[in-house]
C-alpha atoms as a PDB file:
ATOM      1  CA  MET A   1    -136.007 -82.177 153.582  1.00  0.00           C
ATOM      2  CA  ASP A   2    -133.466 -81.713 150.787  1.00  0.00           C
ATOM      3  CA  GLN A   3    -130.804 -79.062 150.307  1.00  0.00           C
ATOM      4  CA  ASN A   4    -133.063 -76.900 148.138  1.00  0.00           C
ATOM      5  CA  ALA A   5    -135.599 -76.728 150.970  1.00  0.00           C
ATOM      6  CA  VAL A   6    -132.858 -75.818 153.448  1.00  0.00           C
ATOM      7  CA  ASN A   7    -131.543 -73.052 151.201  1.00  0.00           C
ATOM      8  CA  LEU A   8    -135.031 -71.625 150.630  1.00  0.00           C
ATOM      9  CA  PHE A   9    -135.742 -71.771 154.358  1.00  0.00           C
ATOM     10  CA  SER A  10    -132.531 -69.857 155.100  1.00  0.00           C
ATOM     11  CA  LYS A  11    -133.317 -67.205 152.511  1.00  0.00           C
ATOM     12  CA  ASN A  12    -136.884 -66.720 153.723  1.00  0.00           C
ATOM     13  CA  TRP A  13    -135.830 -66.685 157.379  1.00  0.00           C
ATOM     14  CA  ILE A  14    -133.401 -63.814 156.797  1.00  0.00           C
ATOM     15  CA  SER A  15    -136.137 -61.907 154.914  1.00  0.00           C
ATOM     16  CA  ALA A  16    -138.771 -62.529 157.591  1.00  0.00           C
ATOM     17  CA  PHE A  17    -136.760 -61.682 160.719  1.00  0.00           C
ATOM     18  CA  ASP A  18    -134.386 -58.860 161.657  1.00  0.00           C
ATOM     19  CA  SER A  19    -132.551 -60.834 164.335  1.00  0.00           C
ATOM     20  CA  ASP A  20    -129.176 -62.543 163.862  1.00  0.00           C
ATOM     21  CA  PRO A  21    -130.022 -66.072 162.519  1.00  0.00           C
ATOM     22  CA  LEU A  22    -126.878 -67.522 164.122  1.00  0.00           C
ATOM     23  CA  ARG A  23    -128.432 -66.796 167.534  1.00  0.00           C
ATOM     24  CA  CYS A  24    -131.555 -68.812 166.652  1.00  0.00           C
ATOM     25  CA  PRO A  25    -131.430 -72.554 167.495  1.00  0.00           C
ATOM     26  CA  ILE A  26    -134.162 -73.405 164.974  1.00  0.00           C
ATOM     27  CA  TYR A  27    -132.289 -71.746 162.112  1.00  0.00           C
ATOM     28  CA  ILE A  28    -129.045 -73.479 163.087  1.00  0.00           C
ATOM     29  CA  SER A  29    -130.750 -76.890 163.332  1.00  0.00           C
ATOM     30  CA  ILE A  30    -132.279 -76.596 159.860  1.00  0.00           C
ATOM     31  CA  ARG A  31    -128.936 -75.539 158.385  1.00  0.00           C
ATOM     32  CA  LYS A  32    -127.512 -78.760 159.836  1.00  0.00           C
ATOM     33  CA  GLY A  33    -130.315 -80.832 158.370  1.00  0.00           C
ATOM     34  CA  ILE A  34    -131.946 -81.450 161.761  1.00  0.00           C
ATOM     35  CA  ILE A  35    -135.700 -81.023 162.087  1.00  0.00           C
ATOM     36  CA  PRO A  36    -136.452 -79.437 165.493  1.00  0.00           C
ATOM     37  CA  ASN A  37    -139.714 -79.589 167.449  1.00  0.00           C
ATOM     38  CA  GLY A  38    -142.248 -76.961 166.457  1.00  0.00           C
ATOM     39  CA  ILE A  39    -140.912 -76.536 162.932  1.00  0.00           C
ATOM     40  CA  GLU A  40    -144.503 -76.648 161.580  1.00  0.00           C
ATOM     41  CA  ALA A  41    -144.848 -73.047 162.810  1.00  0.00           C
ATOM     42  CA  TYR A  42    -142.283 -72.086 160.153  1.00  0.00           C
ATOM     43  CA  LEU A  43    -143.747 -74.111 157.292  1.00  0.00           C
ATOM     44  CA  PRO A  44    -144.160 -71.150 154.869  1.00  0.00           C
ATOM     45  CA  LEU A  45    -140.399 -70.549 154.951  1.00  0.00           C
ATOM     46  CA  PHE A  46    -139.783 -73.819 153.102  1.00  0.00           C
ATOM     47  CA  PHE A  47    -141.855 -72.762 150.055  1.00  0.00           C
ATOM     48  CA  GLU A  48    -142.156 -69.938 147.584  1.00  0.00           C
ATOM     49  CA  LYS A  49    -145.908 -70.036 148.087  1.00  0.00           C
ATOM     50  CA  THR A  50    -148.223 -72.021 150.360  1.00  0.00           C
ATOM     51  CA  SER A  51    -151.797 -73.210 149.822  1.00  0.00           C
ATOM     52  CA  ASN A  52    -154.749 -73.376 152.202  1.00  0.00           C
ATOM     53  CA  LEU A  53    -157.817 -75.571 152.570  1.00  0.00           C
ATOM     54  CA  PHE A  54    -159.850 -73.685 149.971  1.00  0.00           C
ATOM     55  CA  ASP A  55    -157.218 -74.298 147.285  1.00  0.00           C
ATOM     56  CA  TYR A  56    -157.901 -78.046 147.529  1.00  0.00           C
ATOM     57  CA  LEU A  57    -161.691 -77.957 147.433  1.00  0.00           C
ATOM     58  CA  PRO A  58    -163.377 -79.025 144.174  1.00  0.00           C
ATOM     59  CA  SER A  59    -165.428 -76.433 142.327  1.00  0.00           C
ATOM     60  CA  ASN A  60    -168.708 -78.300 142.840  1.00  0.00           C
ATOM     61  CA  ILE A  61    -168.441 -78.647 146.627  1.00  0.00           C
ATOM     62  CA  SER A  62    -171.248 -77.568 148.967  1.00  0.00           C
ATOM     63  CA  VAL A  63    -170.402 -75.742 152.181  1.00  0.00           C
ATOM     64  CA  LEU A  64    -172.883 -75.859 155.062  1.00  0.00           C
ATOM     65  CA  ILE A  65    -172.796 -72.933 157.470  1.00  0.00           C
ATOM     66  CA  THR A  66    -174.347 -73.755 160.840  1.00  0.00           C
ATOM     67  CA  GLU A  67    -172.552 -71.235 163.051  1.00  0.00           C
ATOM     68  CA  ASP A  68    -171.489 -67.580 162.964  1.00  0.00           C
ATOM     69  CA  ILE A  69    -168.275 -68.051 160.992  1.00  0.00           C
ATOM     70  CA  HIS A  70    -167.241 -64.393 161.236  1.00  0.00           C
ATOM     71  CA  LYS A  71    -167.621 -64.339 165.017  1.00  0.00           C
ATOM     72  CA  ILE A  72    -165.756 -67.608 165.566  1.00  0.00           C
ATOM     73  CA  SER A  73    -162.920 -66.845 163.140  1.00  0.00           C
ATOM     74  CA  THR A  74    -162.497 -63.357 164.601  1.00  0.00           C
ATOM     75  CA  GLN A  75    -162.266 -64.820 168.084  1.00  0.00           C
ATOM     76  CA  TYR A  76    -159.504 -67.218 167.015  1.00  0.00           C
ATOM     77  CA  TRP A  77    -157.760 -64.472 165.077  1.00  0.00           C
ATOM     78  CA  ASN A  78    -157.680 -62.256 168.170  1.00  0.00           C
ATOM     79  CA  GLU A  79    -156.228 -65.141 170.219  1.00  0.00           C
ATOM     80  CA  ILE A  80    -153.557 -65.735 167.573  1.00  0.00           C
ATOM     81  CA  ASN A  81    -152.598 -62.058 167.574  1.00  0.00           C
ATOM     82  CA  SER A  82    -152.544 -62.021 171.360  1.00  0.00           C
ATOM     83  CA  ARG A  83    -150.095 -64.934 171.413  1.00  0.00           C
ATOM     84  CA  TYR A  84    -147.979 -63.182 168.794  1.00  0.00           C
ATOM     85  CA  GLU A  85    -147.790 -60.032 170.919  1.00  0.00           C
ATOM     86  CA  THR A  86    -146.799 -62.129 173.930  1.00  0.00           C
ATOM     87  CA  PHE A  87    -144.129 -64.327 172.358  1.00  0.00           C
ATOM     88  CA  GLY A  88    -143.067 -62.401 169.266  1.00  0.00           C
ATOM     89  CA  SER A  89    -140.283 -60.452 170.947  1.00  0.00           C
ATOM     90  CA  ASP A  90    -137.978 -63.426 171.599  1.00  0.00           C
ATOM     91  CA  ILE A  91    -135.055 -62.782 169.239  1.00  0.00           C
ATOM     92  CA  THR A  92    -133.673 -66.307 169.727  1.00  0.00           C
ATOM     93  CA  ARG A  93    -136.972 -67.858 168.642  1.00  0.00           C
ATOM     94  CA  PRO A  94    -138.807 -65.329 166.479  1.00  0.00           C
ATOM     95  CA  ILE A  95    -142.233 -66.272 165.174  1.00  0.00           C
ATOM     96  CA  LEU A  96    -143.981 -65.470 161.935  1.00  0.00           C
ATOM     97  CA  ARG A  97    -146.636 -62.774 161.800  1.00  0.00           C
ATOM     98  CA  PRO A  98    -150.196 -64.173 161.987  1.00  0.00           C
ATOM     99  CA  GLU A  99    -150.984 -63.284 158.373  1.00  0.00           C
ATOM    100  CA  GLN A 100    -147.936 -65.289 157.228  1.00  0.00           C
ATOM    101  CA  LEU A 101    -149.105 -68.470 158.933  1.00  0.00           C
ATOM    102  CA  PHE A 102    -152.897 -68.309 159.238  1.00  0.00           C
ATOM    103  CA  ILE A 103    -155.915 -67.389 157.143  1.00  0.00           C
ATOM    104  CA  SER A 104    -157.502 -64.150 158.308  1.00  0.00           C
ATOM    105  CA  PRO A 105    -161.277 -63.883 158.965  1.00  0.00           C
ATOM    106  CA  THR A 106    -161.641 -61.698 155.876  1.00  0.00           C
ATOM    107  CA  GLU A 107    -159.938 -64.306 153.684  1.00  0.00           C
ATOM    108  CA  ILE A 108    -162.119 -67.071 155.139  1.00  0.00           C
ATOM    109  CA  LEU A 109    -165.366 -65.204 154.443  1.00  0.00           C
ATOM    110  CA  THR A 110    -164.238 -64.206 150.951  1.00  0.00           C
ATOM    111  CA  SER A 111    -163.324 -67.806 150.096  1.00  0.00           C
ATOM    112  CA  ILE A 112    -166.602 -69.189 151.491  1.00  0.00           C
ATOM    113  CA  LYS A 113    -168.700 -66.655 149.581  1.00  0.00           C
ATOM    114  CA  ALA A 114    -166.914 -67.619 146.372  1.00  0.00           C
ATOM    115  CA  ILE A 115    -168.108 -71.206 146.880  1.00  0.00           C
ATOM    116  CA  LYS A 116    -171.716 -70.035 147.409  1.00  0.00           C
ATOM    117  CA  PRO A 117    -172.546 -71.795 150.680  1.00  0.00           C
ATOM    118  CA  LEU A 118    -175.902 -73.473 151.145  1.00  0.00           C
ATOM    119  CA  ASP A 119    -178.610 -71.567 152.957  1.00  0.00           C
ATOM    120  CA  CYS A 120    -179.198 -73.890 155.859  1.00  0.00           C
ATOM    121  CA  GLY A 121    -180.456 -73.563 159.390  1.00  0.00           C
ATOM    122  CA  LYS A 122    -180.682 -75.723 162.449  1.00  0.00           C
ATOM    123  CA  ALA A 123    -183.515 -78.229 162.442  1.00  0.00           C
ATOM    124  CA  ARG A 124    -184.498 -76.912 165.880  1.00  0.00           C
ATOM    125  CA  THR A 125    -187.789 -75.499 164.680  1.00  0.00           C
ATOM    126  CA  GLU A 126    -191.253 -76.207 166.019  1.00  0.00           C
ATOM    127  CA  TYR A 127    -190.842 -78.734 168.852  1.00  0.00           C
ATOM    128  CA  LEU A 128    -187.061 -78.738 168.511  1.00  0.00           C
ATOM    129  CA  ASP A 129    -186.915 -75.254 170.038  1.00  0.00           C
ATOM    130  CA  LYS A 130    -187.398 -76.903 173.413  1.00  0.00           C
ATOM    131  CA  THR A 131    -185.604 -79.796 175.049  1.00  0.00           C
ATOM    132  CA  LEU A 132    -187.299 -83.131 174.545  1.00  0.00           C
ATOM    133  CA  PRO A 133    -187.300 -85.865 177.170  1.00  0.00           C
ATOM    134  CA  GLY A 134    -184.733 -88.594 176.704  1.00  0.00           C
ATOM    135  CA  PHE A 135    -184.916 -92.349 177.000  1.00  0.00           C
ATOM    136  CA  GLU A 136    -184.202 -92.226 180.698  1.00  0.00           C
ATOM    137  CA  GLU A 137    -187.574 -90.499 181.174  1.00  0.00           C
ATOM    138  CA  LYS A 138    -189.502 -93.502 179.979  1.00  0.00           C
ATOM    139  CA  GLU A 139    -192.920 -92.097 180.797  1.00  0.00           C
ATOM    140  CA  ASN A 140    -192.385 -89.356 178.206  1.00  0.00           C
ATOM    141  CA  ILE A 141    -191.317 -91.499 175.272  1.00  0.00           C
ATOM    142  CA  ASP A 142    -194.791 -91.319 173.747  1.00  0.00           C
ATOM    143  CA  LYS A 143    -194.660 -87.527 173.954  1.00  0.00           C
ATOM    144  CA  THR A 144    -191.301 -87.554 172.227  1.00  0.00           C
ATOM    145  CA  LEU A 145    -192.642 -89.706 169.404  1.00  0.00           C
ATOM    146  CA  ALA A 146    -195.768 -87.566 169.069  1.00  0.00           C
ATOM    147  CA  ALA A 147    -193.616 -84.459 168.766  1.00  0.00           C
ATOM    148  CA  ILE A 148    -191.433 -86.061 166.104  1.00  0.00           C
ATOM    149  CA  GLU A 149    -194.499 -87.225 164.187  1.00  0.00           C
ATOM    150  CA  THR A 150    -196.070 -83.754 164.313  1.00  0.00           C
ATOM    151  CA  PHE A 151    -192.916 -82.041 163.131  1.00  0.00           C
ATOM    152  CA  ILE A 152    -192.362 -84.432 160.224  1.00  0.00           C
ATOM    153  CA  SER A 153    -196.016 -84.183 159.198  1.00  0.00           C
ATOM    154  CA  LYS A 154    -195.791 -80.382 159.018  1.00  0.00           C
ATOM    155  CA  GLU A 155    -192.608 -80.515 156.988  1.00  0.00           C
ATOM    156  CA  GLN A 156    -194.116 -83.022 154.566  1.00  0.00           C
ATOM    157  CA  THR A 157    -197.160 -80.788 154.153  1.00  0.00           C
ATOM    158  CA  LYS A 158    -194.943 -77.843 153.208  1.00  0.00           C
ATOM    159  CA  VAL A 159    -192.533 -79.849 151.021  1.00  0.00           C
ATOM    160  CA  PRO A 160    -193.924 -83.339 150.235  1.00  0.00           C
ATOM    161  CA  ASP A 161    -190.670 -84.787 148.867  1.00  0.00           C
ATOM    162  CA  THR A 162    -188.499 -83.789 151.848  1.00  0.00           C
ATOM    163  CA  LYS A 163    -186.113 -86.539 152.957  1.00  0.00           C
ATOM    164  CA  PHE A 164    -185.211 -87.207 156.595  1.00  0.00           C
ATOM    165  CA  LEU A 165    -181.950 -88.578 157.952  1.00  0.00           C
ATOM    166  CA  PHE A 166    -181.595 -89.795 161.541  1.00  0.00           C
ATOM    167  CA  CYS A 167    -178.014 -89.783 162.863  1.00  0.00           C
ATOM    168  CA  VAL A 168    -177.012 -91.921 165.850  1.00  0.00           C
ATOM    169  CA  GLU A 169    -173.716 -92.583 167.618  1.00  0.00           C
ATOM    170  CA  SER A 170    -173.571 -96.374 167.498  1.00  0.00           C
ATOM    171  CA  PRO A 171    -175.276 -99.464 166.059  1.00  0.00           C
ATOM    172  CA  GLY A 172    -176.878-100.081 169.443  1.00  0.00           C
ATOM    173  CA  ARG A 173    -178.490 -96.634 169.485  1.00  0.00           C
ATOM    174  CA  ARG A 174    -179.605 -97.190 165.909  1.00  0.00           C
ATOM    175  CA  GLU A 175    -181.525-100.319 166.938  1.00  0.00           C
ATOM    176  CA  VAL A 176    -183.164 -98.454 169.806  1.00  0.00           C
ATOM    177  CA  LEU A 177    -184.256 -95.524 167.654  1.00  0.00           C
ATOM    178  CA  MET A 178    -185.542 -97.772 164.876  1.00  0.00           C
ATOM    179  CA  ASN A 179    -187.688 -99.637 167.400  1.00  0.00           C
ATOM    180  CA  MET A 180    -189.036 -96.338 168.670  1.00  0.00           C
ATOM    181  CA  LEU A 181    -189.851 -94.964 165.225  1.00  0.00           C
ATOM    182  CA  GLN A 182    -191.816 -98.077 164.334  1.00  0.00           C
ATOM    183  CA  LYS A 183    -194.444 -96.945 166.829  1.00  0.00           C
ATOM    184  CA  ILE A 184    -195.242 -93.975 164.580  1.00  0.00           C
ATOM    185  CA  ASN A 185    -194.938 -96.016 161.365  1.00  0.00           C
ATOM    186  CA  ILE A 186    -191.541 -94.690 160.361  1.00  0.00           C
ATOM    187  CA  TYR A 187    -189.189 -97.364 159.033  1.00  0.00           C
ATOM    188  CA  PRO A 188    -185.884 -95.729 158.050  1.00  0.00           C
ATOM    189  CA  ARG A 189    -183.512 -97.564 155.758  1.00  0.00           C
ATOM    190  CA  GLU A 190    -180.064 -98.264 157.166  1.00  0.00           C
ATOM    191  CA  ILE A 191    -177.313 -96.510 155.199  1.00  0.00           C
ATOM    192  CA  SER A 192    -173.588 -96.114 155.726  1.00  0.00           C
ATOM    193  CA  SER A 193    -172.690 -92.697 154.292  1.00  0.00           C
ATOM    194  CA  TRP A 194    -173.912 -89.213 153.417  1.00  0.00           C
ATOM    195  CA  SER A 195    -173.541 -89.845 149.678  1.00  0.00           C
ATOM    196  CA  GLU A 196    -175.816 -92.856 150.023  1.00  0.00           C
ATOM    197  CA  PHE A 197    -178.458 -90.636 151.612  1.00  0.00           C
ATOM    198  CA  VAL A 198    -178.160 -88.015 148.886  1.00  0.00           C
ATOM    199  CA  ILE A 199    -178.827 -90.458 146.050  1.00  0.00           C
ATOM    200  CA  SER A 200    -181.391 -92.511 147.968  1.00  0.00           C
ATOM    201  CA  GLU A 201    -185.050 -92.292 147.000  1.00  0.00           C
ATOM    202  CA  ASP A 202    -186.189 -93.378 150.468  1.00  0.00           C
ATOM    203  CA  GLN A 203    -187.969 -90.765 152.524  1.00  0.00           C
ATOM    204  CA  TYR A 204    -186.416 -91.931 155.794  1.00  0.00           C
ATOM    205  CA  SER A 205    -182.834 -93.088 156.388  1.00  0.00           C
ATOM    206  CA  ILE A 206    -180.704 -93.763 159.443  1.00  0.00           C
ATOM    207  CA  VAL A 207    -176.908 -93.739 159.755  1.00  0.00           C
ATOM    208  CA  VAL A 208    -174.266 -94.187 162.424  1.00  0.00           C
ATOM    209  CA  SER A 209    -172.509 -90.828 162.439  1.00  0.00           C
ATOM    210  CA  ASP A 210    -170.740 -88.311 164.686  1.00  0.00           C
ATOM    211  CA  ILE A 211    -173.038 -85.465 163.634  1.00  0.00           C
ATOM    212  CA  SER A 212    -173.880 -83.558 166.826  1.00  0.00           C
ATOM    213  CA  ASP A 213    -176.343 -80.956 165.504  1.00  0.00           C
ATOM    214  CA  GLY A 214    -179.191 -81.374 163.068  1.00  0.00           C
ATOM    215  CA  MET A 215    -180.013 -78.999 160.253  1.00  0.00           C
ATOM    216  CA  ASN A 216    -182.682 -78.194 157.721  1.00  0.00           C
ATOM    217  CA  LEU A 217    -181.209 -77.993 154.233  1.00  0.00           C
ATOM    218  CA  PHE A 218    -183.995 -75.998 152.651  1.00  0.00           C
ATOM    219  CA  SER A 219    -182.492 -75.835 149.175  1.00  0.00           C
ATOM    220  CA  LYS A 220    -181.854 -79.591 149.162  1.00  0.00           C
ATOM    221  CA  LYS A 221    -185.169 -80.630 150.746  1.00  0.00           C
ATOM    222  CA  GLN A 222    -183.280 -82.601 153.370  1.00  0.00           C
ATOM    223  CA  ILE A 223    -183.651 -82.590 157.154  1.00  0.00           C
ATOM    224  CA  ILE A 224    -180.981 -84.135 159.340  1.00  0.00           C
ATOM    225  CA  PHE A 225    -181.700 -85.116 162.939  1.00  0.00           C
ATOM    226  CA  SER A 226    -178.974 -85.766 165.483  1.00  0.00           C
ATOM    227  CA  GLU A 227    -179.540 -87.606 168.743  1.00  0.00           C
ATOM    228  CA  SER A 228    -179.499 -84.331 170.652  1.00  0.00           C
ATOM    229  CA  ASP A 229    -182.286 -82.978 168.433  1.00  0.00           C
ATOM    230  CA  ILE A 230    -184.512 -85.911 169.281  1.00  0.00           C
ATOM    231  CA  PHE A 231    -183.572 -86.802 172.827  1.00  0.00           C
ATOM    232  CA  GLY A 232    -182.743 -83.408 174.259  1.00  0.00           C
ATOM    233  CA  GLU A 233    -179.392 -83.312 176.066  1.00  0.00           C
ATOM    234  CA  GLN A 234    -176.887 -85.270 174.007  1.00  0.00           C
ATOM    235  CA  VAL A 235    -175.558 -88.506 175.441  1.00  0.00           C
ATOM    236  CA  HIS A 236    -172.040 -89.372 174.294  1.00  0.00           C
ATOM    237  CA  GLN A 237    -171.173 -93.039 174.646  1.00  0.00           C
ATOM    238  CA  ARG A 238    -167.507 -92.260 175.153  1.00  0.00           C
ATOM    239  CA  ARG A 239    -168.426 -90.323 178.301  1.00  0.00           C
ATOM    240  CA  LEU A 240    -170.109 -93.412 179.641  1.00  0.00           C
ATOM    241  CA  ARG A 241    -166.908 -95.357 179.101  1.00  0.00           C
ATOM    242  CA  GLU A 242    -164.799 -92.658 180.728  1.00  0.00           C
ATOM    243  CA  ASN A 243    -167.030 -92.524 183.786  1.00  0.00           C
ATOM    244  CA  ASN A 244    -166.033 -96.080 184.587  1.00  0.00           C
ATOM    245  CA  ASP A 245    -166.659 -96.215 188.333  1.00  0.00           C
ATOM    246  CA  THR A 246    -170.233 -94.970 188.165  1.00  0.00           C
ATOM    247  CA  PHE A 247    -170.831 -97.137 185.122  1.00  0.00           C
ATOM    248  CA  LYS A 248    -169.702-100.324 186.852  1.00  0.00           C
ATOM    249  CA  HIS A 249    -171.894 -99.553 189.866  1.00  0.00           C
ATOM    250  CA  ASN A 250    -174.984 -99.213 187.661  1.00  0.00           C
ATOM    251  CA  PHE A 251    -173.954-102.244 185.627  1.00  0.00           C
ATOM    252  CA  PHE A 252    -173.852-104.663 188.549  1.00  0.00           C
ATOM    253  CA  ARG A 253    -177.062-103.266 189.955  1.00  0.00           C
ATOM    254  CA  ASP A 254    -178.923-103.796 186.661  1.00  0.00           C
ATOM    255  CA  LEU A 255    -177.235-107.096 185.760  1.00  0.00           C
ATOM    256  CA  SER A 256    -178.787-108.739 188.820  1.00  0.00           C
ATOM    257  CA  GLU A 257    -182.198-107.852 187.402  1.00  0.00           C
ATOM    258  CA  LEU A 258    -181.563-109.438 184.002  1.00  0.00           C
ATOM    259  CA  LYS A 259    -183.217-112.694 183.070  1.00  0.00           C
ATOM    260  CA  LEU A 260    -182.045-115.301 180.600  1.00  0.00           C
ATOM    261  CA  ASP A 261    -183.027-114.525 176.994  1.00  0.00           C
ATOM    262  CA  GLU A 262    -183.840-110.915 177.874  1.00  0.00           C
ATOM    263  CA  PRO A 263    -182.899-108.451 175.086  1.00  0.00           C
ATOM    264  CA  VAL A 264    -180.128-106.000 175.930  1.00  0.00           C
ATOM    265  CA  VAL A 265    -178.209-103.423 173.922  1.00  0.00           C
ATOM    266  CA  HIS A 266    -174.458-103.464 173.409  1.00  0.00           C
ATOM    267  CA  LEU A 267    -172.995-100.172 172.172  1.00  0.00           C
ATOM    268  CA  GLU A 268    -171.096-101.763 169.304  1.00  0.00           C
ATOM    269  CA  TYR A 269    -173.027-104.925 168.423  1.00  0.00           C
ATOM    270  CA  GLY A 270    -176.621-103.815 168.921  1.00  0.00           C
ATOM    271  CA  ILE A 271    -179.439-105.896 170.383  1.00  0.00           C
ATOM    272  CA  GLY A 272    -178.660-109.383 171.622  1.00  0.00           C
ATOM    273  CA  LEU A 273    -180.117-111.948 174.015  1.00  0.00           C
ATOM    274  CA  TYR A 274    -178.609-112.240 177.464  1.00  0.00           C
ATOM    275  CA  LYS A 275    -177.441-115.826 178.037  1.00  0.00           C
ATOM    276  CA  GLY A 276    -175.995-115.438 181.512  1.00  0.00           C
ATOM    277  CA  LEU A 277    -172.483-115.433 182.959  1.00  0.00           C
ATOM    278  CA  GLN A 278    -169.777-117.878 181.970  1.00  0.00           C
ATOM    279  CA  THR A 279    -166.270-118.470 183.307  1.00  0.00           C
ATOM    280  CA  LEU A 280    -163.618-118.819 180.588  1.00  0.00           C
ATOM    281  CA  SER A 281    -159.883-119.428 180.787  1.00  0.00           C
ATOM    282  CA  ILE A 282    -157.791-117.066 178.680  1.00  0.00           C
ATOM    283  CA  ASN A 283    -154.003-117.545 178.797  1.00  0.00           C
ATOM    284  CA  ASN A 284    -154.482-119.726 181.869  1.00  0.00           C
ATOM    285  CA  ILE A 285    -156.326-116.907 183.651  1.00  0.00           C
ATOM    286  CA  GLU A 286    -159.946-117.528 184.549  1.00  0.00           C
ATOM    287  CA  SER A 287    -162.315-114.587 184.140  1.00  0.00           C
ATOM    288  CA  GLU A 288    -166.064-114.087 184.166  1.00  0.00           C
ATOM    289  CA  PHE A 289    -167.743-113.204 180.899  1.00  0.00           C
ATOM    290  CA  ILE A 290    -171.234-112.158 179.887  1.00  0.00           C
ATOM    291  CA  THR A 291    -172.651-114.196 177.024  1.00  0.00           C
ATOM    292  CA  LEU A 292    -174.792-112.526 174.368  1.00  0.00           C
ATOM    293  CA  MET A 293    -176.372-114.391 171.459  1.00  0.00           C
ATOM    294  CA  TYR A 294    -177.141-112.822 168.105  1.00  0.00           C
ATOM    295  CA  ALA A 295    -178.545-113.959 164.766  1.00  0.00           C
ATOM    296  CA  GLU A 296    -177.831-117.528 163.651  1.00  0.00           C
ATOM    297  CA  GLU A 297    -176.884-118.367 167.256  1.00  0.00           C
ATOM    298  CA  SER A 298    -173.598-116.485 167.012  1.00  0.00           C
ATOM    299  CA  LYS A 299    -172.262-115.484 170.436  1.00  0.00           C
ATOM    300  CA  ILE A 300    -169.961-112.883 171.882  1.00  0.00           C
ATOM    301  CA  TYR A 301    -168.272-113.067 175.272  1.00  0.00           C
ATOM    302  CA  LEU A 302    -167.766-109.807 177.123  1.00  0.00           C
ATOM    303  CA  PRO A 303    -165.447-109.583 180.137  1.00  0.00           C
ATOM    304  CA  VAL A 304    -167.313-108.239 183.131  1.00  0.00           C
ATOM    305  CA  SER A 305    -164.310-106.057 184.012  1.00  0.00           C
ATOM    306  CA  SER A 306    -164.603-103.974 180.816  1.00  0.00           C
ATOM    307  CA  ILE A 307    -168.231-104.237 179.833  1.00  0.00           C
ATOM    308  CA  ASN A 308    -169.733-101.621 177.496  1.00  0.00           C
ATOM    309  CA  PHE A 309    -173.483-101.839 177.931  1.00  0.00           C
ATOM    310  CA  ASN A 310    -175.894 -99.021 177.420  1.00  0.00           C
ATOM    311  CA  LEU A 311    -177.873-100.133 180.446  1.00  0.00           C
ATOM    312  CA  PRO A 312    -180.555 -97.426 180.575  1.00  0.00           C
ATOM    313  CA  PHE A 313    -181.969 -98.951 177.372  1.00  0.00           C
ATOM    314  CA  ILE A 314    -182.464-102.471 178.718  1.00  0.00           C
ATOM    315  CA  ASN A 315    -186.027-102.078 179.956  1.00  0.00           C
ATOM    316  CA  LEU A 316    -186.994-100.020 176.952  1.00  0.00           C
ATOM    317  CA  ILE A 317    -185.795-102.659 174.505  1.00  0.00           C
ATOM    318  CA  SER A 318    -187.680-105.340 176.413  1.00  0.00           C
ATOM    319  CA  ALA A 319    -190.841-103.310 176.102  1.00  0.00           C
ATOM    320  CA  CYS A 320    -190.305-102.615 172.414  1.00  0.00           C
ATOM    321  CA  LEU A 321    -189.796-106.251 171.586  1.00  0.00           C
END
């Protein structure tokens, strides 16, 4: 923050507010060259003109609309105005009007329309209109696969060159889904990014991604499946980690049932072979570790106290392999 920025801030502050600036701690701090907490709420005062997100987007960008943008933006806009009405009367800490600091719903819609957003809809058509059974309901896995196969077959009949992308939350889930899809003769290629999918000529791809909702990009002949689209209620791995007490209880119960060389799934490393428990000394402290072996006999040692297994998949993986 240089002197020019301070001078411009002072000028704009006096123009924006009717109150005495010398009674405002934020104004006084900036004049002294001190940056106070919350100064980001006064960002426009440091510039002659500010830019927004749409000013930085390239001209050839594609915008995907999956929700009611007008409804959501209006809701936030009303909350912003409500806060302004509540706190805007403090003459010692005046706040900028909403239109000075935020983009209004009208501006958002106008900017989006100028980009010509893609006509896309959720991929929850046909069988996806209803909740599908998840992995934990093992007796219904075949029904899940049959539903996926039927849906894809119908889409391929309508548009033969449609491409399908399966999105999962971790490498371990990717291995599980790939094993499942093999039962209906679908062998997706592993990719690492959206751009790789776009240029790929493969009909089926799979990627580790945080996408939570699938969509059918009609104009692009692309269908994206998230885990929640396929397995019904979405399972977030981070929730499993957060629910540590319940997780540990299930872990020790299932660990006792494991046999040597049985395949198990680790959330980060994927499928490995269980090689039993081993006591290791780290910094002169002995702890118990689980040993997993992967390709080329490489091993990882996982402390029992902080294990991250996706245990509901253990029996399923054994069956698949």
